[in-house]
């Protein structure tokens, strides 16, 4: 899913949570919103690793070009694409956040933002890509290594 979509849906989701649970406060609203968007920082990490370049604008353009190339392929061929390893996109990170939130309550809001982001990505993956990546980082690594 594109960054603009994550920003829009993340803002709406955090706003609804804030209206339903005003106890989370404005800080909680910001944590949920920002974590639902900033989880995609791992895409930038992947770009830097793969291309040895720290330019954020080039990273964004590279991912947009990759996305356009992938979407131009026939539906059945899209599942054969290896994908990127995104270390924050997986159930493993959600589990870690849950455990950390036992000690630091703040992280439950990060968990909620990450989980919402992953839900949106799952809908997009099944709708547009004919595959289901980004559910498990370990699975994605093993899948890419086996290709």
N, C-alpha and C. Protein backbone atom coordinates (compact mmCIF):
# COMPACT_ATOMS: atom_id res chain seq x y z
N UNK A 1 0.85 -1.17 0.00
CA UNK A 1 0.00 0.00 0.00
C UNK A 1 0.90 1.23 0.00
N UNK A 2 0.44 2.24 -0.68
CA UNK A 2 1.23 3.46 -0.81
C UNK A 2 1.24 4.28 0.49
N UNK A 3 2.28 5.08 0.65
CA UNK A 3 2.46 5.88 1.85
C UNK A 3 1.27 6.80 2.10
N UNK A 4 0.78 7.46 1.06
CA UNK A 4 -0.36 8.36 1.23
C UNK A 4 -1.58 7.63 1.77
N UNK A 5 -1.79 6.42 1.32
CA UNK A 5 -2.92 5.62 1.81
C UNK A 5 -2.73 5.25 3.27
N UNK A 6 -1.50 4.88 3.64
CA UNK A 6 -1.24 4.55 5.04
C UNK A 6 -1.43 5.78 5.93
N UNK A 7 -1.02 6.93 5.45
CA UNK A 7 -1.21 8.15 6.23
C UNK A 7 -2.70 8.42 6.42
N UNK A 8 -3.46 8.34 5.35
CA UNK A 8 -4.90 8.60 5.43
C UNK A 8 -5.60 7.61 6.37
N UNK A 9 -5.43 6.32 6.09
CA UNK A 9 -6.12 5.30 6.90
C UNK A 9 -5.60 5.28 8.34
N UNK A 10 -4.30 5.52 8.53
CA UNK A 10 -3.76 5.58 9.88
C UNK A 10 -4.34 6.72 10.67
N UNK A 11 -4.51 7.86 10.03
CA UNK A 11 -5.12 9.02 10.70
C UNK A 11 -6.58 8.74 11.06
N UNK A 12 -7.32 8.17 10.12
CA UNK A 12 -8.73 7.84 10.40
C UNK A 12 -8.81 6.82 11.53
N UNK A 13 -7.99 5.79 11.48
CA UNK A 13 -8.01 4.75 12.51
C UNK A 13 -7.66 5.32 13.88
N UNK A 14 -6.59 6.10 13.95
CA UNK A 14 -6.19 6.70 15.23
C UNK A 14 -7.27 7.65 15.74
N UNK A 15 -7.92 8.38 14.85
CA UNK A 15 -9.00 9.29 15.24
C UNK A 15 -10.19 8.52 15.82
N UNK A 16 -10.56 7.43 15.17
CA UNK A 16 -11.67 6.61 15.68
C UNK A 16 -11.32 6.04 17.05
N UNK A 17 -10.10 5.56 17.20
CA UNK A 17 -9.68 5.05 18.51
C UNK A 17 -9.75 6.14 19.57
N UNK A 18 -9.30 7.33 19.21
CA UNK A 18 -9.31 8.45 20.15
C UNK A 18 -10.75 8.82 20.54
N UNK A 19 -11.67 8.77 19.58
CA UNK A 19 -13.07 9.08 19.88
C UNK A 19 -13.72 8.00 20.74
N UNK A 20 -13.37 6.75 20.46
CA UNK A 20 -13.94 5.64 21.24
C UNK A 20 -13.29 5.50 22.61
N UNK A 21 -12.00 5.79 22.69
CA UNK A 21 -11.24 5.62 23.93
C UNK A 21 -10.46 6.91 24.22
N UNK A 22 -11.14 7.95 24.69
CA UNK A 22 -10.45 9.23 24.92
C UNK A 22 -9.33 9.14 25.96
N UNK A 23 -9.31 8.06 26.75
CA UNK A 23 -8.23 7.89 27.73
C UNK A 23 -6.86 7.76 27.09
N UNK A 24 -6.81 7.40 25.81
CA UNK A 24 -5.49 7.25 25.19
C UNK A 24 -4.82 8.61 25.00
N UNK A 25 -5.56 9.68 25.04
CA UNK A 25 -5.07 11.05 24.96
C UNK A 25 -4.50 11.37 23.58
N UNK A 26 -4.09 12.61 23.42
CA UNK A 26 -3.50 13.04 22.15
C UNK A 26 -2.18 12.34 21.90
N UNK A 27 -1.45 12.08 22.96
CA UNK A 27 -0.17 11.36 22.81
C UNK A 27 -0.43 9.96 22.28
N UNK A 28 -1.42 9.28 22.83
CA UNK A 28 -1.78 7.95 22.35
C UNK A 28 -2.22 7.97 20.90
N UNK A 29 -3.01 8.99 20.55
CA UNK A 29 -3.43 9.17 19.17
C UNK A 29 -2.20 9.26 18.26
N UNK A 30 -1.24 10.10 18.65
CA UNK A 30 -0.02 10.27 17.85
C UNK A 30 0.80 8.99 17.74
N UNK A 31 0.89 8.27 18.84
CA UNK A 31 1.66 7.02 18.83
C UNK A 31 1.04 6.02 17.87
N UNK A 32 -0.28 5.84 17.94
CA UNK A 32 -0.95 4.90 17.04
C UNK A 32 -0.79 5.36 15.60
N UNK A 33 -1.05 6.64 15.35
CA UNK A 33 -0.95 7.15 13.98
C UNK A 33 0.47 7.00 13.43
N UNK A 34 1.45 7.48 14.18
CA UNK A 34 2.83 7.44 13.69
C UNK A 34 3.33 6.00 13.52
N UNK A 35 2.98 5.12 14.44
CA UNK A 35 3.44 3.74 14.30
C UNK A 35 2.76 3.04 13.14
N UNK A 36 1.54 3.45 12.79
CA UNK A 36 0.87 2.84 11.64
C UNK A 36 1.48 3.29 10.32
N UNK A 37 2.26 4.36 10.35
CA UNK A 37 2.90 4.87 9.13
C UNK A 37 4.40 4.56 9.15
N UNK A 38 5.06 4.83 10.27
CA UNK A 38 6.52 4.73 10.32
C UNK A 38 7.04 3.30 10.32
N UNK A 39 6.17 2.32 10.44
CA UNK A 39 6.57 0.93 10.30
C UNK A 39 7.23 0.72 8.94
N UNK A 40 6.85 1.52 7.96
CA UNK A 40 7.40 1.38 6.62
C UNK A 40 8.85 1.85 6.51
N UNK A 41 9.44 2.30 7.61
CA UNK A 41 10.85 2.67 7.60
C UNK A 41 11.71 1.48 7.19
N UNK A 42 11.22 0.27 7.42
CA UNK A 42 11.99 -0.90 7.04
C UNK A 42 12.14 -1.02 5.52
N UNK A 43 11.24 -0.42 4.77
CA UNK A 43 11.41 -0.38 3.31
C UNK A 43 12.67 0.43 2.96
N UNK A 44 12.85 1.53 3.65
CA UNK A 44 14.04 2.35 3.43
C UNK A 44 15.30 1.57 3.83
N UNK A 45 15.25 0.88 4.94
CA UNK A 45 16.39 0.06 5.37
C UNK A 45 16.74 -0.96 4.29
N UNK A 46 15.71 -1.59 3.73
CA UNK A 46 15.92 -2.57 2.65
C UNK A 46 16.58 -1.90 1.44
N UNK A 47 16.08 -0.72 1.08
CA UNK A 47 16.64 0.01 -0.06
C UNK A 47 18.13 0.32 0.18
N UNK A 48 18.45 0.83 1.35
CA UNK A 48 19.84 1.17 1.66
C UNK A 48 20.71 -0.08 1.58
N UNK A 49 20.23 -1.20 2.14
CA UNK A 49 20.98 -2.45 2.11
C UNK A 49 21.20 -2.92 0.67
N UNK A 50 20.16 -2.87 -0.12
CA UNK A 50 20.22 -3.40 -1.49
C UNK A 50 20.98 -2.49 -2.43
N UNK A 51 20.83 -1.17 -2.28
CA UNK A 51 21.40 -0.23 -3.25
C UNK A 51 22.59 0.57 -2.73
N UNK A 52 22.92 0.40 -1.46
CA UNK A 52 24.06 1.12 -0.87
C UNK A 52 23.94 2.62 -1.08
N UNK A 53 22.73 3.15 -0.89
CA UNK A 53 22.46 4.56 -1.12
C UNK A 53 21.51 5.03 -0.02
N UNK A 54 21.81 6.18 0.59
CA UNK A 54 21.01 6.69 1.70
C UNK A 54 20.00 7.77 1.28
N UNK A 55 19.91 8.06 0.00
CA UNK A 55 19.04 9.12 -0.49
C UNK A 55 17.57 8.70 -0.35
N UNK A 56 16.84 9.38 0.52
CA UNK A 56 15.44 9.03 0.79
C UNK A 56 14.56 9.21 -0.44
N UNK A 57 14.78 10.27 -1.18
CA UNK A 57 13.98 10.52 -2.39
C UNK A 57 14.22 9.43 -3.43
N UNK A 58 15.48 9.04 -3.60
CA UNK A 58 15.78 7.96 -4.55
C UNK A 58 15.16 6.65 -4.09
N UNK A 59 15.15 6.42 -2.79
CA UNK A 59 14.53 5.21 -2.26
C UNK A 59 13.04 5.19 -2.59
N UNK A 60 12.38 6.31 -2.34
CA UNK A 60 10.95 6.40 -2.64
C UNK A 60 10.70 6.16 -4.12
N UNK A 61 11.46 6.81 -4.98
CA UNK A 61 11.28 6.66 -6.43
C UNK A 61 11.58 5.23 -6.88
N UNK A 62 12.58 4.61 -6.27
CA UNK A 62 12.94 3.23 -6.61
C UNK A 62 11.78 2.30 -6.28
N UNK A 63 11.19 2.45 -5.09
CA UNK A 63 10.07 1.60 -4.71
C UNK A 63 8.85 1.86 -5.60
N UNK A 64 8.62 3.09 -5.97
CA UNK A 64 7.49 3.39 -6.85
C UNK A 64 7.70 2.73 -8.22
N UNK A 65 8.92 2.79 -8.73
CA UNK A 65 9.23 2.15 -10.01
C UNK A 65 9.08 0.63 -9.92
N UNK A 66 9.60 0.06 -8.83
CA UNK A 66 9.46 -1.39 -8.62
C UNK A 66 7.98 -1.79 -8.56
N UNK A 67 7.20 -0.99 -7.86
CA UNK A 67 5.77 -1.26 -7.73
C UNK A 67 5.09 -1.19 -9.09
N UNK A 68 5.40 -0.18 -9.87
CA UNK A 68 4.82 -0.05 -11.22
C UNK A 68 5.21 -1.23 -12.10
N UNK A 69 6.47 -1.65 -12.02
CA UNK A 69 6.92 -2.81 -12.81
C UNK A 69 6.15 -4.07 -12.40
N UNK A 70 5.97 -4.24 -11.11
CA UNK A 70 5.26 -5.43 -10.63
C UNK A 70 3.79 -5.42 -11.03
N UNK A 71 3.16 -4.27 -10.91
CA UNK A 71 1.74 -4.17 -11.25
C UNK A 71 1.49 -4.32 -12.75
N UNK A 72 2.52 -4.12 -13.57
CA UNK A 72 2.35 -4.27 -15.01
C UNK A 72 2.37 -5.75 -15.43
N UNK A 73 2.81 -6.62 -14.53
CA UNK A 73 2.85 -8.05 -14.85
C UNK A 73 1.44 -8.65 -14.78
N UNK A 74 1.23 -9.72 -15.53
CA UNK A 74 -0.06 -10.43 -15.40
C UNK A 74 -0.26 -10.93 -13.97
N UNK A 75 -1.50 -11.03 -13.58
CA UNK A 75 -1.90 -11.42 -12.22
C UNK A 75 -1.16 -12.65 -11.72
N UNK A 76 -1.09 -13.70 -12.52
CA UNK A 76 -0.50 -14.98 -12.06
C UNK A 76 1.01 -14.89 -11.86
N UNK A 77 1.67 -14.00 -12.57
CA UNK A 77 3.13 -13.88 -12.44
C UNK A 77 3.54 -13.10 -11.20
N UNK A 78 2.64 -12.33 -10.64
CA UNK A 78 2.98 -11.50 -9.49
C UNK A 78 3.37 -12.32 -8.27
N UNK A 79 2.79 -13.50 -8.13
CA UNK A 79 3.09 -14.34 -6.96
C UNK A 79 4.51 -14.88 -7.01
N UNK A 80 5.11 -14.93 -8.18
CA UNK A 80 6.47 -15.46 -8.32
C UNK A 80 7.55 -14.45 -7.98
N UNK A 81 7.17 -13.21 -7.75
CA UNK A 81 8.16 -12.17 -7.42
C UNK A 81 8.67 -12.39 -6.00
N UNK A 82 9.97 -12.21 -5.79
CA UNK A 82 10.53 -12.50 -4.47
C UNK A 82 10.10 -11.53 -3.38
N UNK A 83 9.89 -10.27 -3.69
CA UNK A 83 9.52 -9.30 -2.66
C UNK A 83 10.73 -8.81 -1.89
N UNK A 84 10.49 -7.90 -0.99
CA UNK A 84 11.54 -7.31 -0.18
C UNK A 84 11.44 -7.85 1.25
N UNK A 85 12.57 -7.91 1.91
CA UNK A 85 12.56 -8.31 3.31
C UNK A 85 12.37 -7.06 4.15
N UNK A 86 11.22 -6.98 4.76
CA UNK A 86 10.87 -5.83 5.59
C UNK A 86 10.80 -6.30 7.04
N UNK A 87 11.80 -5.97 7.82
CA UNK A 87 11.98 -6.56 9.14
C UNK A 87 10.88 -6.20 10.15
N UNK A 88 10.16 -5.11 9.93
CA UNK A 88 9.08 -4.74 10.85
C UNK A 88 7.73 -5.30 10.43
N UNK A 89 7.67 -5.91 9.24
CA UNK A 89 6.42 -6.41 8.70
C UNK A 89 6.31 -7.92 8.96
N UNK A 90 5.87 -8.27 10.13
CA UNK A 90 5.70 -9.68 10.43
C UNK A 90 5.17 -9.90 11.83
N UNK A 91 4.63 -11.07 12.01
CA UNK A 91 4.05 -11.43 13.30
C UNK A 91 5.11 -11.44 14.40
N UNK A 92 6.36 -11.68 14.03
CA UNK A 92 7.43 -11.72 15.03
C UNK A 92 7.56 -10.39 15.77
N UNK A 93 7.49 -9.30 15.03
CA UNK A 93 7.60 -7.97 15.65
C UNK A 93 6.38 -7.71 16.53
N UNK A 94 5.21 -8.15 16.08
CA UNK A 94 4.01 -7.97 16.91
C UNK A 94 4.13 -8.72 18.23
N UNK A 95 4.67 -9.91 18.18
CA UNK A 95 4.86 -10.69 19.41
C UNK A 95 5.84 -9.99 20.35
N UNK A 96 6.94 -9.49 19.79
CA UNK A 96 7.92 -8.75 20.60
C UNK A 96 7.27 -7.52 21.23
N UNK A 97 6.49 -6.78 20.45
CA UNK A 97 5.82 -5.59 20.98
C UNK A 97 4.85 -5.95 22.10
N UNK A 98 4.15 -7.06 21.96
CA UNK A 98 3.23 -7.49 23.02
C UNK A 98 3.99 -7.78 24.32
N UNK A 99 5.10 -8.49 24.20
CA UNK A 99 5.89 -8.80 25.39
C UNK A 99 6.48 -7.53 26.03
N UNK A 100 6.97 -6.63 25.20
CA UNK A 100 7.55 -5.39 25.72
C UNK A 100 6.45 -4.53 26.36
N UNK A 101 5.23 -4.60 25.83
CA UNK A 101 4.14 -3.78 26.39
C UNK A 101 3.72 -4.25 27.78
N UNK A 102 4.10 -5.45 28.15
CA UNK A 102 3.83 -5.91 29.52
C UNK A 102 4.63 -5.07 30.51
N UNK A 103 5.83 -4.69 30.11
CA UNK A 103 6.70 -3.88 30.97
C UNK A 103 6.44 -2.39 30.76
N UNK A 104 6.33 -1.99 29.49
CA UNK A 104 6.12 -0.58 29.14
C UNK A 104 4.79 -0.46 28.39
N UNK A 105 3.76 0.00 29.08
CA UNK A 105 2.41 0.07 28.52
C UNK A 105 2.35 0.83 27.20
N UNK A 106 3.23 1.79 27.04
CA UNK A 106 3.29 2.61 25.83
C UNK A 106 3.33 1.76 24.56
N UNK A 107 3.99 0.61 24.62
CA UNK A 107 4.19 -0.21 23.43
C UNK A 107 2.93 -0.91 22.96
N UNK A 108 1.89 -0.97 23.78
CA UNK A 108 0.63 -1.53 23.29
C UNK A 108 0.05 -0.65 22.20
N UNK A 109 0.27 0.65 22.30
CA UNK A 109 -0.20 1.57 21.26
C UNK A 109 0.62 1.41 19.98
N UNK A 110 1.91 1.17 20.11
CA UNK A 110 2.74 0.87 18.95
C UNK A 110 2.27 -0.43 18.31
N UNK A 111 1.98 -1.42 19.14
CA UNK A 111 1.45 -2.69 18.66
C UNK A 111 0.18 -2.48 17.84
N UNK A 112 -0.74 -1.68 18.36
CA UNK A 112 -2.00 -1.42 17.66
C UNK A 112 -1.74 -0.76 16.31
N UNK A 113 -0.86 0.23 16.27
CA UNK A 113 -0.52 0.89 15.01
C UNK A 113 0.12 -0.07 14.01
N UNK A 114 1.08 -0.87 14.47
CA UNK A 114 1.72 -1.85 13.60
C UNK A 114 0.71 -2.87 13.10
N UNK A 115 -0.12 -3.37 13.99
CA UNK A 115 -1.11 -4.39 13.60
C UNK A 115 -2.08 -3.83 12.56
N UNK A 116 -2.51 -2.59 12.75
CA UNK A 116 -3.40 -1.98 11.77
C UNK A 116 -2.71 -1.86 10.41
N UNK A 117 -1.48 -1.43 10.41
CA UNK A 117 -0.71 -1.32 9.17
C UNK A 117 -0.61 -2.68 8.48
N UNK A 118 -0.30 -3.71 9.24
CA UNK A 118 -0.16 -5.05 8.66
C UNK A 118 -1.49 -5.57 8.13
N UNK A 119 -2.58 -5.21 8.79
CA UNK A 119 -3.90 -5.58 8.30
C UNK A 119 -4.15 -4.93 6.93
N UNK A 120 -3.86 -3.65 6.81
CA UNK A 120 -4.01 -2.97 5.52
C UNK A 120 -3.14 -3.62 4.45
N UNK A 121 -1.90 -3.93 4.80
CA UNK A 121 -1.00 -4.58 3.84
C UNK A 121 -1.53 -5.94 3.42
N UNK A 122 -2.11 -6.68 4.35
CA UNK A 122 -2.66 -8.01 4.03
C UNK A 122 -3.82 -7.90 3.04
N UNK A 123 -4.67 -6.92 3.25
CA UNK A 123 -5.78 -6.70 2.32
C UNK A 123 -5.24 -6.36 0.94
N UNK A 124 -4.24 -5.48 0.91
CA UNK A 124 -3.65 -5.09 -0.37
C UNK A 124 -2.94 -6.26 -1.04
N UNK A 125 -2.23 -7.06 -0.28
CA UNK A 125 -1.51 -8.20 -0.83
C UNK A 125 -2.46 -9.18 -1.50
N UNK A 126 -3.54 -9.50 -0.85
CA UNK A 126 -4.47 -10.48 -1.41
C UNK A 126 -5.30 -9.90 -2.55
N UNK A 127 -5.50 -8.59 -2.54
CA UNK A 127 -6.33 -7.95 -3.56
C UNK A 127 -5.55 -7.67 -4.84
N UNK A 128 -4.31 -7.18 -4.71
CA UNK A 128 -3.57 -6.72 -5.88
C UNK A 128 -2.39 -7.59 -6.28
N UNK A 129 -1.94 -8.45 -5.39
CA UNK A 129 -0.69 -9.14 -5.68
C UNK A 129 -0.78 -10.64 -5.83
N UNK A 130 -1.90 -11.23 -5.52
CA UNK A 130 -2.06 -12.68 -5.67
C UNK A 130 -1.03 -13.43 -4.82
N UNK A 131 -0.68 -12.85 -3.67
CA UNK A 131 0.25 -13.52 -2.77
C UNK A 131 0.06 -12.96 -1.36
N UNK A 132 0.74 -13.57 -0.42
CA UNK A 132 0.63 -13.12 0.96
C UNK A 132 2.02 -13.08 1.57
N UNK A 133 2.71 -11.97 1.35
CA UNK A 133 4.00 -11.73 1.99
C UNK A 133 3.76 -10.86 3.22
N UNK A 134 4.80 -10.62 3.93
CA UNK A 134 4.81 -9.69 5.06
C UNK A 134 3.95 -10.15 6.24
N UNK A 135 3.67 -11.42 6.33
CA UNK A 135 3.02 -11.93 7.54
C UNK A 135 4.05 -12.41 8.53
N UNK A 136 5.14 -12.92 8.00
CA UNK A 136 6.22 -13.42 8.84
C UNK A 136 7.55 -13.05 8.19
N UNK A 137 8.37 -12.34 8.90
CA UNK A 137 9.68 -11.96 8.37
C UNK A 137 10.52 -13.21 8.13
N UNK A 138 10.46 -14.16 9.04
CA UNK A 138 11.23 -15.40 8.88
C UNK A 138 10.80 -16.15 7.63
N UNK A 139 9.49 -16.26 7.41
CA UNK A 139 8.98 -16.93 6.21
C UNK A 139 9.44 -16.20 4.95
N UNK A 140 9.37 -14.88 4.95
CA UNK A 140 9.80 -14.11 3.78
C UNK A 140 11.28 -14.32 3.47
N UNK A 141 12.11 -14.36 4.51
CA UNK A 141 13.55 -14.60 4.32
C UNK A 141 13.77 -15.99 3.71
N UNK A 142 13.10 -16.99 4.27
CA UNK A 142 13.26 -18.36 3.75
C UNK A 142 12.74 -18.47 2.32
N UNK A 143 11.64 -17.81 2.02
CA UNK A 143 11.07 -17.84 0.68
C UNK A 143 12.02 -17.21 -0.33
N UNK A 144 12.61 -16.08 0.02
CA UNK A 144 13.52 -15.38 -0.88
C UNK A 144 14.80 -16.20 -1.09
N UNK A 145 15.31 -16.81 -0.01
CA UNK A 145 16.53 -17.60 -0.12
C UNK A 145 16.32 -18.86 -0.97
N UNK A 146 15.10 -19.40 -0.97
CA UNK A 146 14.84 -20.61 -1.74
C UNK A 146 14.66 -20.33 -3.23
N UNK A 147 14.47 -19.09 -3.60
CA UNK A 147 14.30 -18.76 -5.04
C UNK A 147 15.62 -18.62 -5.73
